[in-house]
């Protein structure tokens, strides 16, 4: 199992365990590919870091000491997620192009 696959599996498990979200910031990230995926950035008291979740790409998350660092790391995670999916022959979801709505 590749290190990236292990990291993605851990991110999926971590994502399933998030319960407390405060100070949420939603941004859209435009990558080199020209696709814009929504990124939700929030502070995690448990992790003592800003977490960046990319809900359109299952398990795609990153963290950072600031909003900006979390965003930069999320942009890199998106690129790695897409590259890994393409290498594995898995479909890459198209960005919805609008803000996601959570109930």
Protein backbone atom coordinates (compact mmCIF):
# COMPACT_ATOMS: atom_id res chain seq x y z
CA UNK A 1 0.00 0.00 0.00
CA UNK A 2 1.42 3.36 -0.97
CA UNK A 3 2.10 6.06 1.60
CA UNK A 4 -0.39 8.34 -0.18
CA UNK A 5 -3.11 5.68 -0.08
CA UNK A 6 -2.47 5.18 3.66
CA UNK A 7 -2.70 8.94 4.17
CA UNK A 8 -5.97 9.10 2.22
CA UNK A 9 -7.41 6.20 4.24
CA UNK A 10 -6.45 7.98 7.48
CA UNK A 11 -8.02 11.20 6.22
CA UNK A 12 -11.28 9.40 5.46
CA UNK A 13 -11.34 7.85 8.95
CA UNK A 14 -10.46 11.21 10.51
CA UNK A 15 -13.17 12.97 8.52
CA UNK A 16 -15.77 10.53 9.87
CA UNK A 17 -14.79 11.42 13.46
CA UNK A 18 -15.09 15.23 13.25
CA UNK A 19 -17.87 16.44 15.50
CA UNK A 20 -17.02 19.98 16.62
CA UNK A 21 -16.75 22.79 14.09
CA UNK A 22 -16.41 26.46 14.89
CA UNK A 23 -15.05 29.46 13.05
CA UNK A 24 -15.91 27.91 9.68
CA UNK A 25 -14.62 29.56 6.51
CA UNK A 26 -15.70 28.39 3.06
CA UNK A 27 -13.50 29.09 0.05
CA UNK A 28 -13.26 27.81 -3.50
CA UNK A 29 -9.91 26.75 -4.79
CA UNK A 30 -8.94 27.03 -8.45
CA UNK A 31 -6.18 24.59 -9.29
CA UNK A 32 -3.80 24.41 -12.22
CA UNK A 33 -6.45 22.22 -13.87
CA UNK A 34 -8.86 25.16 -13.78
CA UNK A 35 -11.34 23.24 -11.61
CA UNK A 36 -12.81 24.96 -8.55
CA UNK A 37 -13.49 22.71 -5.57
CA UNK A 38 -15.07 24.09 -2.43
CA UNK A 39 -12.84 23.98 0.64
CA UNK A 40 -14.30 24.33 4.13
CA UNK A 41 -11.76 25.60 6.67
CA UNK A 42 -12.51 25.40 10.37
CA UNK A 43 -10.68 25.38 13.71
CA UNK A 44 -10.47 22.06 15.56
CA UNK A 45 -9.98 22.37 19.32
CA UNK A 46 -9.17 18.66 19.46
CA UNK A 47 -6.37 18.97 16.88
CA UNK A 48 -5.36 22.53 17.80
CA UNK A 49 -5.17 23.37 14.09
CA UNK A 50 -7.21 24.70 11.21
CA UNK A 51 -8.64 21.83 9.17
CA UNK A 52 -9.49 22.11 5.49
CA UNK A 53 -12.13 19.71 4.18
CA UNK A 54 -12.85 19.23 0.46
CA UNK A 55 -16.32 17.65 0.56
CA UNK A 56 -16.53 17.02 -3.19
CA UNK A 57 -13.47 14.72 -3.01
CA UNK A 58 -14.12 12.03 -0.36
CA UNK A 59 -11.38 11.89 2.26
CA UNK A 60 -9.53 14.92 0.91
CA UNK A 61 -8.45 17.01 3.90
CA UNK A 62 -5.49 19.01 5.13
CA UNK A 63 -4.52 21.11 8.13
CA UNK A 64 -2.39 24.11 9.03
CA UNK A 65 -1.50 26.55 11.78
CA UNK A 66 -3.44 29.32 9.96
CA UNK A 67 -6.30 29.59 7.46
CA UNK A 68 -3.77 30.37 4.75
CA UNK A 69 -1.55 27.38 5.52
CA UNK A 70 -4.56 25.05 5.67
CA UNK A 71 -5.71 26.40 2.27
CA UNK A 72 -2.27 25.91 0.68
CA UNK A 73 -2.08 22.37 2.07
CA UNK A 74 -5.62 21.63 0.86
CA UNK A 75 -4.74 22.77 -2.66
CA UNK A 76 -1.81 20.35 -2.64
CA UNK A 77 -4.04 17.57 -1.23
CA UNK A 78 -6.58 18.18 -4.03
CA UNK A 79 -3.88 17.84 -6.66
CA UNK A 80 -2.59 14.61 -5.07
CA UNK A 81 -6.14 13.26 -4.73
CA UNK A 82 -6.81 13.86 -8.43
CA UNK A 83 -3.46 12.38 -9.52
CA UNK A 84 -4.01 9.26 -7.40
CA UNK A 85 -7.57 8.78 -8.67
CA UNK A 86 -6.39 9.07 -12.28
CA UNK A 87 -3.52 6.61 -11.68
CA UNK A 88 -5.97 4.12 -10.14
CA UNK A 89 -8.49 4.61 -12.97
CA UNK A 90 -11.10 6.03 -10.58
CA UNK A 91 -13.43 8.84 -11.69
CA UNK A 92 -12.64 12.39 -10.60
CA UNK A 93 -15.80 14.25 -9.59
CA UNK A 94 -16.43 17.51 -11.39
CA UNK A 95 -16.76 20.53 -9.08
CA UNK A 96 -20.36 21.54 -8.55
CA UNK A 97 -19.52 25.19 -9.26
CA UNK A 98 -21.71 26.43 -6.45
CA UNK A 99 -21.62 26.48 -2.69
CA UNK A 100 -22.56 23.23 -1.04
CA UNK A 101 -25.47 23.35 1.38
CA UNK A 102 -25.39 21.49 4.67
CA UNK A 103 -28.52 20.68 6.66
